[in-house]
Amino acid sequence: MYPTSLKDNKNNIKMRNLSLVLACALIGLTFSSSTPQWSRVDDIQPADNHHFNFKIAFKKQNVDVLDSLFWQITDYYSPLFGRHLSNQQIKELVSLPEESIAQVEAYLRKESGKFCDVIVRRSVHQDYLFVDTCVAQANIILPNLNLAVYQKEGTGNLILRHSIMMDVGFNMYLLGFPQQLQENIEGIYGVTDLPIHYRRVNSDYPDGGPFDPSKFWQPTVEEQTVDSMIKYFGISYDGIKDSSYSADNAQVRQGVVEFNHAPFSASGLADFQNTYHVPLNPVSKIIGTEEHPGSSIEADLDFQTITALSGKAQTWDFVFGPNATFNDVVETILSTDGAPKVYSCSWGGIDTQFTQTTANSINQDFLKLGLTGVSFFIAAGDAGPTLNGSCDAFDAQFPGSSVYVIAVGGTVIDGGKERCWERSSGGFSSFFQRPSFQDNAVNKYLSSTDLPANPNQSIYNTTGRAYPDVSAIGAFEPVFNGSQSVAVGGTSGASPQFAAIATLINIHRFQQGKGPVGPLNKTLYQLPKGIGFDVTTGRTYATSANGTVDPCPNFIKGFFSAPGWDAATGLGSPRFDTLLEQLLEVPGEKMN
């Protein structure tokens, strides 16, 4: 026996629209005007045979050991630089003893088949159990479960969740999970946590009317072409063999992560590559399902940008539905044979919309991903230092403010010179402490007197993880959408630029018999010649979540660019030849 989905229920048309959604916020050109609210729909009751799934998260073991190893493999001067771990090695460190996992599995399956089957699957590192069953069977597993239907404001989206919402770190007690099994469990996901969902929204394009760049960039900002970006970043394809591009090796591949089944246009990608005279290079593999017809201009931006700058590198599309989380992203990458070692992602959210438990879980999963040699670049955000709803504090972007990803801000070329883009996001995490390797650079920046007012650390947390790490061009980037090329922008275009450069460096290292550069988080701050261009002019502006520049007049001033690291552009923008020279001759590797 197996449960039916709510879409299959013929007895209640409303229930056909139920979408089990656990969505992450999308960083795009602007944000939706407000956080969608969920409210209970008391006149609809979930049927016993409706499909229900949730996830048991075990407490990860040896996280301190994993963290120590992470910073050593990304230390430019450490003999452990690049000594990445296998999935098996990580599993041996992070997972519980077999008997502890088996006890939980036995409980979950104890009465499987009474109403429907209980299907339990272990994660690749055995730190999660994925449970698929039906409502009636879930009520046996979680005796205090009282499912209700929730509807997202302004939509027909419905979701099943417990009648009381609370942090997943405490919900095992509320739900009646057996006390003797609770000791090793972090929490139960997908039961007492409501979805966070933001959409990429631009008021001008593509929802209606022509795109109006004047609303986003000053008239002196220069429109980019593929050739101009290649020239500016000093990208060269000399010395790369065709056999290296086509090698059956994860190190020569790159991936793009999309949510909401966001589709790119394969024909649009080919038209773009023909128009800008770059190698015809279709996406090599799609992991997941693109369910929407047509294409998303934001997905087109991701794929056209990353393929335009990376020569003939193999590009994979990792596409997830609206119920996916970043935990799902990491799990999919880790469990996919031959998955790339470089990723760009332009989705994220505001950290205060996540609980500390959820943020920690995502952060630790990115830690594991980095240990396998993955470089994960993520758009820093396009709302400046985002003001909270009360206009009295800056909210950092997440997971851009995770210490284990590389956050990419945006710049513009203005009058022939590079400066920060006013709407690029940056600042300090409210969840995670600043790693020590950032101390010197960040403290130098904080010694300036020209910072936004911050009485008693009440506006932003200067001891938190500082971001962005780096930047790239975030304005007037070409995208082939439909039958014409249009100029778009945002940090969602900057992230794939930096990722493409990292892929090219990985290919050069592959040809020399060296492994991938890996997470690079600490490395970028240690490079003696820097990363390329130190962007020192311009400032960002604090905005509301919907991108309005002046919702809170007292806090309109954001962060400025300065020599060295700054909260507007990070360490600056890349120069390929500068990075390649330093990452082919890593001092730490010579000690091996």
Protein backbone atom coordinates (compact mmCIF):
# COMPACT_ATOMS: atom_id res chain seq x y z
CA MET A 1 0.00 0.00 0.00
CA TYR A 2 1.16 3.55 -0.65
CA PRO A 3 -0.39 6.93 0.11
CA THR A 4 -2.15 9.02 -2.47
CA SER A 5 -1.18 12.60 -3.10
CA LEU A 6 -3.57 15.41 -2.32
CA LYS A 7 -3.77 16.05 -6.06
CA ASP A 8 -5.30 12.59 -6.45
CA ASN A 9 -8.11 13.22 -3.99
CA LYS A 10 -11.31 13.43 -6.05
CA ASN A 11 -13.49 14.35 -3.09
CA ASN A 12 -12.26 17.85 -2.51
CA ILE A 13 -11.24 20.13 -5.36
CA LYS A 14 -9.54 22.53 -3.00
CA MET A 15 -7.20 19.79 -1.87
CA ARG A 16 -6.00 19.24 -5.43
CA ASN A 17 -4.08 22.49 -5.10
CA LEU A 18 -2.14 21.35 -2.06
CA SER A 19 1.51 21.91 -2.61
CA LEU A 20 3.91 20.57 0.00
CA VAL A 21 6.29 23.46 -0.07
CA LEU A 22 9.38 24.20 1.95
CA ALA A 23 10.85 26.94 -0.20
CA CYS A 24 13.95 29.06 0.13
CA ALA A 25 13.93 32.77 -0.67
CA LEU A 26 15.23 33.80 -4.03
CA ILE A 27 17.75 36.54 -4.44
CA GLY A 28 16.87 38.38 -7.64
CA LEU A 29 16.72 41.90 -8.97
CA THR A 30 14.25 42.90 -6.27
CA PHE A 31 12.23 41.13 -3.64
CA SER A 32 8.53 40.55 -3.28
CA SER A 33 6.85 43.25 -1.28
CA SER A 34 6.32 41.22 1.85
CA THR A 35 6.79 37.79 3.34
CA PRO A 36 3.86 35.58 2.34
CA GLN A 37 1.83 34.67 5.42
CA TRP A 38 0.26 31.30 6.07
CA SER A 39 -3.09 30.85 7.75
CA ARG A 40 -5.00 27.74 8.78
CA VAL A 41 -7.89 26.59 6.62
CA ASP A 42 -10.15 24.96 9.20
CA ASP A 43 -12.87 23.87 6.75
CA ILE A 44 -10.49 21.45 5.00
CA GLN A 45 -9.30 18.36 6.82
CA PRO A 46 -6.43 16.17 5.59
CA ALA A 47 -7.49 12.64 4.65
CA ASP A 48 -5.76 9.64 6.21
CA ASN A 49 -4.40 8.48 2.85
CA HIS A 50 -2.84 11.78 1.85
CA HIS A 51 0.88 11.63 1.26
CA PHE A 52 3.05 13.11 4.02
CA ASN A 53 6.81 13.23 4.25
CA PHE A 54 9.23 14.56 6.83
CA LYS A 55 12.87 14.29 7.78
CA ILE A 56 14.60 13.14 10.96
CA ALA A 57 17.84 15.05 11.53
CA PHE A 58 20.43 13.37 13.73
CA LYS A 59 22.89 15.41 15.73
CA LYS A 60 26.04 15.53 13.63
CA GLN A 61 29.08 14.09 15.37
CA ASN A 62 32.56 15.66 15.41
CA VAL A 63 31.44 18.98 13.91
CA ASP A 64 34.44 20.66 15.58
CA VAL A 65 36.75 18.19 13.83
CA LEU A 66 35.07 18.83 10.49
CA ASP A 67 35.34 22.59 11.00
CA SER A 68 39.06 22.35 11.83
CA LEU A 69 39.69 20.24 8.74
CA PHE A 70 37.72 22.66 6.55
CA TRP A 71 39.89 25.61 7.48
CA GLN A 72 43.05 23.59 6.93
CA ILE A 73 42.11 22.39 3.45
CA THR A 74 41.30 25.98 2.45
CA ASP A 75 44.44 27.44 4.08
CA TYR A 76 46.81 28.64 1.35
CA TYR A 77 49.85 27.89 3.52
CA SER A 78 48.73 24.60 5.08
CA PRO A 79 50.16 21.23 3.98
CA LEU A 80 46.54 20.03 4.08
CA PHE A 81 45.47 22.48 1.38
CA GLY A 82 43.37 20.60 -1.14
CA ARG A 83 43.38 17.34 0.84
CA HIS A 84 39.65 16.91 0.43
CA LEU A 85 37.64 14.14 2.05
CA SER A 86 35.55 11.40 0.49
CA ASN A 87 31.91 10.82 1.38
CA GLN A 88 32.96 7.70 3.26
CA GLN A 89 35.48 9.64 5.37
CA ILE A 90 32.89 12.29 6.21
CA LYS A 91 30.28 9.65 7.05
CA GLU A 92 32.67 7.98 9.47
CA LEU A 93 33.14 11.29 11.26
CA VAL A 94 29.63 12.70 11.24
CA SER A 95 27.25 9.76 11.63
CA LEU A 96 25.97 8.07 14.76
CA PRO A 97 26.88 4.46 15.54
CA GLU A 98 24.98 2.00 13.34
CA GLU A 99 22.94 0.65 16.23
CA SER A 100 21.63 4.13 17.10
CA ILE A 101 20.46 4.77 13.53
CA ALA A 102 18.95 1.29 13.27
CA GLN A 103 16.92 1.82 16.47
CA VAL A 104 15.24 4.89 14.99
CA GLU A 105 14.63 3.12 11.66
CA ALA A 106 13.07 0.16 13.48
CA TYR A 107 10.69 2.46 15.33
CA LEU A 108 9.68 4.29 12.14
CA ARG A 109 8.94 1.02 10.34
CA LYS A 110 7.42 -0.76 13.34
CA GLU A 111 3.84 -0.64 12.07
CA SER A 112 4.53 -0.04 8.39
CA GLY A 113 1.66 -1.33 6.28
CA LYS A 114 -1.09 -0.81 8.84
CA PHE A 115 -2.48 2.05 6.76
CA CYS A 116 0.24 2.45 4.15
CA ASP A 117 3.93 1.76 3.71
CA VAL A 118 6.60 3.69 5.59
CA ILE A 119 9.59 4.20 3.32
CA VAL A 120 12.76 5.29 5.12
CA ARG A 121 15.91 6.35 3.31
CA ARG A 122 19.28 7.31 4.78
CA SER A 123 21.22 10.37 3.60
CA VAL A 124 24.63 9.84 2.03
CA HIS A 125 26.39 10.62 5.33
CA GLN A 126 23.66 8.91 7.40
CA ASP A 127 22.92 12.09 9.36
CA TYR A 128 19.32 12.31 8.08
CA LEU A 129 16.46 9.86 7.62
CA PHE A 130 13.91 10.75 4.93
CA VAL A 131 10.45 9.38 5.74
CA ASP A 132 7.69 8.98 3.13
CA THR A 133 4.30 7.75 4.28
CA CYS A 134 0.66 8.82 4.65
CA VAL A 135 -1.16 10.92 7.24
CA ALA A 136 -2.61 7.94 9.13
CA GLN A 137 0.76 6.23 9.41
CA ALA A 138 2.46 9.49 10.44
CA ASN A 139 -0.02 9.75 13.30
CA ILE A 140 1.30 6.43 14.62
CA ILE A 141 4.94 7.52 14.33
CA LEU A 142 4.26 10.91 15.93
CA PRO A 143 1.47 10.25 18.47
CA ASN A 144 0.79 13.90 19.22
CA LEU A 145 0.68 14.92 15.57
CA ASN A 146 -2.33 17.06 14.76
CA LEU A 147 -2.10 18.00 11.12
CA ALA A 148 -3.92 21.00 9.74
CA VAL A 149 -4.13 22.63 6.33
CA TYR A 150 -2.45 26.00 5.81
CA GLN A 151 -2.87 28.33 2.87
CA LYS A 152 -0.37 30.90 1.69
CA GLU A 153 -1.77 34.38 1.47
CA GLY A 154 -2.86 35.42 -2.00
CA THR A 155 -2.34 31.99 -3.55
CA GLY A 156 -4.05 28.63 -3.87
CA ASN A 157 -1.06 26.89 -2.30
CA LEU A 158 -1.99 24.67 0.60
CA ILE A 159 0.29 22.75 2.90
CA LEU A 160 0.03 20.17 5.67
CA ARG A 161 1.68 21.05 8.95
CA HIS A 162 1.14 20.51 12.66
CA SER A 163 -1.43 22.77 14.29
CA ILE A 164 1.27 24.44 16.42
CA MET A 165 4.39 25.96 14.87
CA MET A 166 7.70 25.83 16.70
CA ASP A 167 11.48 25.54 16.20
CA VAL A 168 12.37 22.09 14.87
CA GLY A 169 15.01 21.86 17.58
CA PHE A 170 12.29 21.31 20.17
CA ASN A 171 9.46 19.68 18.25
CA MET A 172 10.29 16.04 19.02
CA TYR A 173 8.98 16.61 22.56
CA LEU A 174 5.77 18.23 21.35
CA LEU A 175 5.11 15.51 18.78
CA GLY A 176 5.53 12.61 21.19
CA PHE A 177 8.56 11.03 19.57
CA PRO A 178 9.80 8.30 21.94
CA GLN A 179 11.89 9.79 24.72
CA GLN A 180 14.48 6.99 24.57
CA LEU A 181 15.25 7.95 20.94
CA GLN A 182 15.39 11.73 21.40
CA GLU A 183 18.94 11.99 22.71
CA ASN A 184 20.57 11.75 19.30
CA ILE A 185 18.01 13.73 17.29
CA GLU A 186 18.43 17.38 16.33
CA GLY A 187 14.84 17.82 15.20
CA ILE A 188 12.07 16.74 12.85
CA TYR A 189 11.79 18.84 9.69
CA GLY A 190 8.66 19.36 7.61
CA VAL A 191 6.19 19.15 10.49
CA THR A 192 6.24 22.28 12.68
CA ASP A 193 8.07 24.62 10.30
CA LEU A 194 6.20 26.71 7.74
CA PRO A 195 7.78 27.51 4.38
CA ILE A 196 9.77 30.64 3.69
CA HIS A 197 9.15 31.70 0.12
CA TYR A 198 10.41 34.68 -1.88
CA ARG A 199 10.23 35.03 -5.63
CA ARG A 200 12.49 36.89 -7.96
CA VAL A 201 10.37 39.86 -8.91
CA ASN A 202 11.26 42.77 -11.16
CA SER A 203 8.65 45.45 -11.58
CA ASP A 204 9.63 46.09 -15.18
CA TYR A 205 10.83 42.81 -16.65
CA PRO A 206 9.74 40.16 -17.43
CA ASP A 207 6.30 40.62 -15.80
CA GLY A 208 5.31 43.42 -18.11
CA GLY A 209 6.60 46.30 -20.19
CA PRO A 210 10.14 47.03 -21.38
CA PHE A 211 13.05 46.73 -19.01
CA ASP A 212 14.08 50.15 -17.69
CA PRO A 213 17.78 50.14 -16.65
CA SER A 214 17.54 53.71 -15.32
CA LYS A 215 15.65 52.39 -12.32
CA PHE A 216 18.61 50.23 -11.35
CA TRP A 217 21.80 51.89 -12.65
CA GLN A 218 23.06 55.40 -13.23
CA PRO A 219 23.08 56.55 -16.88
CA THR A 220 26.90 56.48 -16.96
CA VAL A 221 27.04 52.76 -16.16
CA GLU A 222 28.40 50.88 -19.16
CA GLU A 223 26.56 47.99 -20.81
CA GLN A 224 28.61 44.81 -20.92
CA THR A 225 29.17 42.28 -23.66
CA VAL A 226 30.72 38.84 -23.40
CA ASP A 227 33.89 40.18 -24.99
CA SER A 228 34.08 43.12 -22.59
CA MET A 229 33.74 40.82 -19.54
CA ILE A 230 36.34 38.37 -20.86
CA LYS A 231 38.73 41.24 -21.48
CA TYR A 232 38.07 42.94 -18.14
CA PHE A 233 38.59 39.79 -16.11
CA GLY A 234 41.67 38.85 -18.15
CA ILE A 235 40.21 35.48 -19.09
CA SER A 236 42.22 33.34 -21.49
CA TYR A 237 41.59 29.85 -22.79
CA ASP A 238 45.16 29.33 -23.94
CA GLY A 239 46.67 26.08 -22.80
CA ILE A 240 43.38 24.25 -22.19
CA LYS A 241 43.10 21.07 -24.24
CA ASP A 242 39.80 19.98 -25.75
CA SER A 243 40.35 16.60 -24.12
CA SER A 244 40.38 18.34 -20.72
CA TYR A 245 37.06 20.05 -21.36
CA SER A 246 35.47 16.73 -22.27
CA ALA A 247 37.15 14.58 -19.62
CA ASP A 248 34.94 12.32 -17.54
CA ASN A 249 36.00 14.01 -14.32
CA ALA A 250 34.04 16.09 -11.81
CA GLN A 251 36.87 18.63 -11.58
CA VAL A 252 36.33 19.95 -15.11
CA ARG A 253 32.57 20.45 -14.60
CA GLN A 254 30.48 23.27 -13.18
CA GLY A 255 26.91 23.34 -11.91
CA VAL A 256 24.10 25.85 -11.54
CA VAL A 257 21.46 25.48 -8.80
CA GLU A 258 17.87 26.55 -9.51
CA PHE A 259 14.72 26.35 -7.36
CA ASN A 260 11.01 26.43 -8.21
CA HIS A 261 11.69 24.23 -11.25
CA ALA A 262 13.08 27.39 -12.91
CA PRO A 263 13.77 26.43 -16.53
CA PHE A 264 16.44 27.81 -18.83
CA SER A 265 15.92 27.95 -22.58
CA ALA A 266 18.20 25.54 -24.47
CA SER A 267 17.44 27.31 -27.72
CA GLY A 268 18.00 30.68 -26.09
CA LEU A 269 21.37 29.47 -24.82
CA ALA A 270 22.34 28.41 -28.35
CA ASP A 271 21.14 31.75 -29.77
CA PHE A 272 23.12 33.61 -27.11
CA GLN A 273 26.28 31.63 -27.86
CA ASN A 274 25.87 32.22 -31.61
CA THR A 275 25.16 35.92 -31.16
CA TYR A 276 28.21 36.53 -28.97
CA HIS A 277 30.51 34.14 -30.87
CA VAL A 278 31.32 31.90 -27.94
CA PRO A 279 31.71 28.12 -28.27
CA LEU A 280 28.45 26.26 -28.77
CA ASN A 281 28.20 24.48 -25.46
CA PRO A 282 24.80 23.11 -24.39
CA VAL A 283 24.06 22.10 -20.81
CA SER A 284 25.51 18.61 -20.39
CA LYS A 285 23.13 17.18 -17.82
CA ILE A 286 19.98 18.10 -15.92
CA ILE A 287 19.49 16.75 -12.41
CA GLY A 288 15.85 17.21 -11.41
CA THR A 289 12.79 18.34 -13.35
CA GLU A 290 11.94 21.58 -15.11
CA GLU A 291 8.17 21.54 -14.88
CA HIS A 292 7.34 25.03 -16.13
CA PRO A 293 7.04 25.67 -19.89
CA GLY A 294 9.18 28.28 -21.54
CA SER A 295 12.11 29.79 -19.69
CA SER A 296 12.99 32.01 -16.76
CA ILE A 297 15.11 35.03 -17.60
CA GLU A 298 16.95 34.55 -14.31
CA ALA A 299 17.83 30.94 -15.17
CA ASP A 300 18.85 32.12 -18.64
CA LEU A 301 21.11 34.70 -16.99
CA ASP A 302 22.77 32.00 -14.89
CA PHE A 303 23.48 29.58 -17.73
CA GLN A 304 24.33 32.07 -20.44
CA THR A 305 26.79 33.87 -18.17
CA ILE A 306 28.58 30.83 -16.78
CA THR A 307 28.93 29.14 -20.18
CA ALA A 308 30.01 32.36 -21.92
CA LEU A 309 33.06 32.77 -19.67
CA SER A 310 34.12 29.15 -19.12
CA GLY A 311 35.04 28.08 -22.64
CA LYS A 312 33.83 24.56 -23.39
CA ALA A 313 33.48 23.46 -19.77
CA GLN A 314 30.73 20.96 -19.02
CA THR A 315 27.76 22.57 -17.25
CA TRP A 316 25.14 20.70 -15.23
CA ASP A 317 21.76 22.01 -14.15
CA PHE A 318 20.62 21.08 -10.63
CA VAL A 319 16.96 22.08 -10.56
CA PHE A 320 14.75 21.75 -7.48
CA GLY A 321 11.08 22.24 -6.79
CA PRO A 322 9.44 24.70 -4.40
CA ASN A 323 9.55 22.15 -1.57
CA ALA A 324 13.34 21.91 -1.62
CA THR A 325 15.79 23.33 0.90
CA PHE A 326 19.51 23.94 0.75
CA ASN A 327 19.90 20.73 2.74
CA ASP A 328 18.33 19.00 -0.26
CA VAL A 329 20.76 20.75 -2.60
CA VAL A 330 23.77 19.51 -0.65
CA GLU A 331 22.38 15.98 -0.35
CA THR A 332 21.70 15.80 -4.10
CA ILE A 333 25.19 17.01 -5.02
CA LEU A 334 26.87 14.63 -2.59
CA SER A 335 24.85 11.64 -3.80
CA THR A 336 25.23 12.30 -7.55
CA ASP A 337 28.05 10.42 -9.27
CA GLY A 338 30.47 12.73 -11.07
CA ALA A 339 28.81 15.89 -9.74
CA PRO A 340 30.77 19.09 -10.53
CA LYS A 341 33.21 20.70 -8.11
CA VAL A 342 32.09 24.30 -8.76
CA TYR A 343 28.55 25.74 -8.34
CA SER A 344 26.78 29.03 -8.73
CA CYS A 345 23.49 29.73 -6.98
CA SER A 346 21.40 32.90 -7.02
CA TRP A 347 18.80 31.90 -4.45
CA GLY A 348 18.70 32.67 -0.74
CA GLY A 349 16.80 34.49 1.97
CA ILE A 350 17.07 36.82 4.93
CA ASP A 351 18.68 35.22 7.95
CA THR A 352 16.08 36.30 10.48
CA GLN A 353 13.46 34.32 8.57
CA PHE A 354 15.30 31.14 9.53
CA THR A 355 15.51 29.74 13.03
CA GLN A 356 18.94 29.21 14.50
CA THR A 357 18.39 25.43 14.34
CA THR A 358 17.58 25.51 10.62
CA ALA A 359 20.43 27.90 9.82
CA ASN A 360 22.88 25.70 11.74
CA SER A 361 21.70 22.64 9.84
CA ILE A 362 22.20 24.31 6.45
CA ASN A 363 25.54 25.74 7.55
CA GLN A 364 26.83 22.32 8.65
CA ASP A 365 25.72 20.76 5.38
CA PHE A 366 27.71 23.36 3.45
CA LEU A 367 30.64 22.49 5.70
CA LYS A 368 30.41 18.86 4.59
CA LEU A 369 30.05 19.88 0.94
CA GLY A 370 33.17 22.03 1.07
CA LEU A 371 35.18 19.21 2.62
CA THR A 372 34.59 17.17 -0.56
CA GLY A 373 36.36 19.85 -2.62
CA VAL A 374 33.35 21.86 -3.80
CA SER A 375 33.50 25.61 -4.42
CA PHE A 376 30.00 27.00 -3.82
CA PHE A 377 29.46 30.58 -5.01
CA ILE A 378 26.24 32.33 -4.05
CA ALA A 379 24.76 35.71 -4.94
CA ALA A 380 25.08 38.11 -2.01
CA GLY A 381 21.70 39.73 -2.71
CA ASP A 382 20.29 42.81 -4.44
CA ALA A 383 18.69 44.81 -1.64
CA GLY A 384 21.73 46.50 -0.11
CA PRO A 385 21.98 46.04 3.66
CA THR A 386 18.36 44.91 3.93
CA LEU A 387 16.33 46.70 6.58
CA ASN A 388 13.96 44.71 8.73
CA GLY A 389 10.29 45.59 8.91
CA SER A 390 10.78 47.87 11.90
CA CYS A 391 13.47 49.96 10.21
CA ASP A 392 15.78 49.47 13.17
CA ALA A 393 18.25 46.78 12.05
CA PHE A 394 19.96 45.26 9.01
CA ASP A 395 19.06 41.68 8.11
CA ALA A 396 21.87 39.67 6.54
CA GLN A 397 21.26 37.41 3.56
CA PHE A 398 21.36 33.65 4.09
CA PRO A 399 22.98 31.35 3.10
CA GLY A 400 25.23 34.06 1.64
CA SER A 401 26.30 34.78 5.22
CA SER A 402 27.18 31.15 5.89
CA VAL A 403 30.89 30.84 6.67
CA TYR A 404 31.21 27.85 4.32
CA VAL A 405 30.07 29.43 1.04
CA ILE A 406 31.62 32.21 -1.07
CA ALA A 407 29.29 35.21 -1.23
CA VAL A 408 29.56 37.30 -4.40
CA GLY A 409 28.54 40.97 -4.45
CA GLY A 410 27.99 43.23 -7.45
CA THR A 411 29.91 46.05 -9.10
CA VAL A 412 29.38 48.26 -12.13
CA ILE A 413 31.71 49.78 -14.71
CA ASP A 414 30.96 53.48 -14.52
CA GLY A 415 32.83 55.95 -16.70
CA GLY A 416 35.52 53.35 -17.36
CA LYS A 417 36.08 52.60 -13.66
CA GLU A 418 34.72 49.84 -11.46
CA ARG A 419 32.75 50.81 -8.37
CA CYS A 420 30.30 49.05 -6.11
CA TRP A 421 26.71 48.65 -7.23
CA GLU A 422 24.41 50.60 -4.94
CA ARG A 423 22.03 47.70 -4.40
CA SER A 424 24.54 44.93 -3.77
CA SER A 425 23.97 43.30 -0.39
CA GLY A 426 26.58 42.95 2.31
CA GLY A 427 27.10 43.24 6.03
CA PHE A 428 27.33 40.88 8.97
CA SER A 429 25.60 37.68 10.02
CA SER A 430 23.35 37.60 13.06
CA PHE A 431 23.76 33.80 13.25
CA PHE A 432 27.46 33.05 12.83
CA GLN A 433 30.56 34.52 14.39
CA ARG A 434 33.24 36.00 12.20
CA PRO A 435 35.96 33.46 11.37
CA SER A 436 39.39 34.50 12.61
CA PHE A 437 40.92 34.80 9.14
CA GLN A 438 38.58 37.74 8.47
CA ASP A 439 39.61 39.62 11.62
CA ASN A 440 42.44 41.76 10.27
CA ALA A 441 40.66 42.81 7.09
CA VAL A 442 37.30 43.46 8.75
CA ASN A 443 38.70 45.28 11.79
CA LYS A 444 40.61 47.59 9.47
CA TYR A 445 37.38 48.37 7.67
CA LEU A 446 35.45 48.87 10.90
CA SER A 447 38.01 51.41 12.13
CA SER A 448 36.58 53.86 9.59
CA THR A 449 34.25 56.53 10.92
CA ASP A 450 32.10 56.57 7.77
CA LEU A 451 29.89 53.61 8.68
CA PRO A 452 26.12 53.48 9.17
CA ALA A 453 25.05 54.41 12.68
CA ASN A 454 25.17 51.38 14.98
CA PRO A 455 24.43 52.33 18.60
CA ASN A 456 25.31 49.47 20.95
CA GLN A 457 25.58 47.03 18.02
CA SER A 458 21.82 47.31 17.62
CA ILE A 459 21.71 47.86 13.84
CA TYR A 460 24.23 45.28 12.65
CA ASN A 461 26.44 42.72 14.35
CA THR A 462 30.07 43.64 13.63
CA THR A 463 31.32 40.46 15.33
CA GLY A 464 29.34 38.31 12.87
CA ARG A 465 30.60 36.62 9.72
CA ALA A 466 31.30 39.44 7.26
CA TYR A 467 30.15 39.24 3.65
CA PRO A 468 30.40 39.45 0.66
CA ASP A 469 33.75 37.75 0.17
CA VAL A 470 34.23 38.95 -3.41
CA SER A 471 32.35 40.69 -6.22
CA ALA A 472 31.93 40.65 -9.98
CA ILE A 473 30.02 42.76 -12.50
CA GLY A 474 26.39 43.08 -11.47
CA ALA A 475 24.89 45.43 -14.04
CA PHE A 476 24.05 45.61 -17.73
CA GLU A 477 24.87 41.99 -18.46
CA PRO A 478 23.63 40.60 -21.79
CA VAL A 479 20.98 37.87 -21.77
CA PHE A 480 19.25 36.37 -24.80
CA ASN A 481 15.59 36.14 -23.87
CA GLY A 482 13.02 35.28 -26.49
CA SER A 483 14.17 36.68 -29.79
CA GLN A 484 16.40 39.47 -28.56
CA SER A 485 19.30 40.33 -26.30
CA VAL A 486 18.37 42.35 -23.22
CA ALA A 487 20.47 43.92 -20.48
CA VAL A 488 19.79 42.63 -16.98
CA GLY A 489 21.83 42.46 -13.83
CA GLY A 490 22.20 41.81 -10.16
CA THR A 491 24.47 39.68 -8.03
CA SER A 492 22.70 36.72 -9.64
CA GLY A 493 24.84 37.53 -12.68
CA ALA A 494 28.00 38.17 -10.67
CA SER A 495 28.01 34.74 -9.00
CA PRO A 496 28.22 32.70 -12.24
CA GLN A 497 31.02 34.97 -13.47
CA PHE A 498 33.24 34.12 -10.51
CA ALA A 499 32.20 30.46 -10.68
CA ALA A 500 33.24 30.26 -14.35
CA ILE A 501 36.70 31.58 -13.46
CA ALA A 502 37.03 28.99 -10.69
CA THR A 503 36.10 26.26 -13.20
CA LEU A 504 38.81 27.37 -15.63
CA ILE A 505 41.36 27.29 -12.80
CA ASN A 506 40.22 23.79 -11.87
CA ILE A 507 40.73 22.66 -15.47
CA HIS A 508 44.28 24.04 -15.50
CA ARG A 509 44.97 22.24 -12.22
CA PHE A 510 43.48 19.05 -13.65
CA GLN A 511 45.95 19.22 -16.52
CA GLN A 512 48.80 19.46 -14.02
CA GLY A 513 47.57 16.48 -12.02
CA LYS A 514 46.34 18.64 -9.13
CA GLY A 515 42.94 18.45 -7.46
CA PRO A 516 40.20 21.10 -7.43
CA VAL A 517 40.82 24.32 -5.53
CA GLY A 518 37.91 23.49 -3.23
CA PRO A 519 36.00 25.92 -1.05
CA LEU A 520 38.53 28.84 -1.25
CA ASN A 521 36.84 30.63 1.67
CA LYS A 522 40.04 31.29 3.59
CA THR A 523 42.38 31.13 0.59
CA LEU A 524 40.98 34.25 -1.06
CA TYR A 525 41.89 36.33 2.00
CA GLN A 526 45.46 34.99 2.01
CA LEU A 527 46.55 35.45 -1.60
CA PRO A 528 49.67 37.66 -1.55
CA LYS A 529 48.79 39.34 -4.85
CA GLY A 530 45.10 39.69 -4.06
CA ILE A 531 42.28 38.42 -6.23
CA GLY A 532 42.47 41.03 -8.98
CA PHE A 533 40.80 44.42 -8.62
CA ASP A 534 40.38 46.12 -5.25
CA VAL A 535 37.16 48.12 -5.71
CA THR A 536 37.49 51.23 -3.54
CA THR A 537 34.74 53.63 -4.64
CA GLY A 538 30.98 53.83 -4.24
CA ARG A 539 28.60 52.82 -1.49
CA THR A 540 25.50 50.72 -1.04
CA TYR A 541 22.13 51.95 0.18
CA ALA A 542 19.92 50.33 2.75
CA THR A 543 16.66 49.11 1.24
CA SER A 544 13.56 47.33 2.35
CA ALA A 545 12.94 43.73 1.39
CA ASN A 546 11.07 44.84 -1.74
CA GLY A 547 14.01 46.94 -2.94
CA THR A 548 12.64 50.39 -2.04
CA VAL A 549 15.60 52.69 -1.45
CA ASP A 550 14.09 55.07 1.07
CA PRO A 551 11.66 53.26 3.39
CA CYS A 552 13.55 54.31 6.50
CA PRO A 553 15.09 57.78 6.07
CA ASN A 554 17.28 57.53 9.18
CA PHE A 555 19.13 54.49 7.83
CA ILE A 556 19.37 55.08 4.10
CA LYS A 557 23.18 55.03 4.17
CA GLY A 558 24.61 51.57 3.64
CA PHE A 559 28.25 50.41 3.47
CA PHE A 560 30.98 52.04 1.42
CA SER A 561 33.81 50.57 -0.63
CA ALA A 562 37.34 50.99 0.71
CA PRO A 563 40.87 49.65 0.19
CA GLY A 564 41.03 46.01 1.24
CA TRP A 565 37.92 44.13 2.31
CA ASP A 566 34.69 46.10 2.63
CA ALA A 567 31.03 45.27 3.25
CA ALA A 568 30.07 46.52 -0.21
CA THR A 569 32.39 44.57 -2.54
CA GLY A 570 34.32 42.20 -0.28
CA LEU A 571 37.91 41.72 -1.47
CA GLY A 572 37.04 43.12 -4.88
CA SER A 573 36.52 41.56 -8.31
CA PRO A 574 38.55 38.81 -10.01
CA ARG A 575 41.40 38.90 -12.46
CA PHE A 576 41.75 35.43 -13.98
CA ASP A 577 45.48 35.56 -14.64
CA THR A 578 46.19 36.82 -11.11
CA LEU A 579 44.17 34.02 -9.54
CA LEU A 580 45.49 31.31 -11.89
CA GLU A 581 49.13 32.11 -11.19
CA GLN A 582 48.62 31.90 -7.43
CA LEU A 583 46.35 28.85 -7.41
CA LEU A 584 48.66 26.78 -9.61
CA GLU A 585 51.52 27.36 -7.18
CA VAL A 586 50.02 26.96 -3.71
CA PRO A 587 52.71 27.07 -0.96
CA GLY A 588 50.85 24.55 1.18
CA GLU A 589 50.75 21.97 -1.61
CA LYS A 590 54.53 22.11 -1.97
CA MET A 591 54.83 20.79 1.60
CA ASN A 592 53.01 17.55 0.73
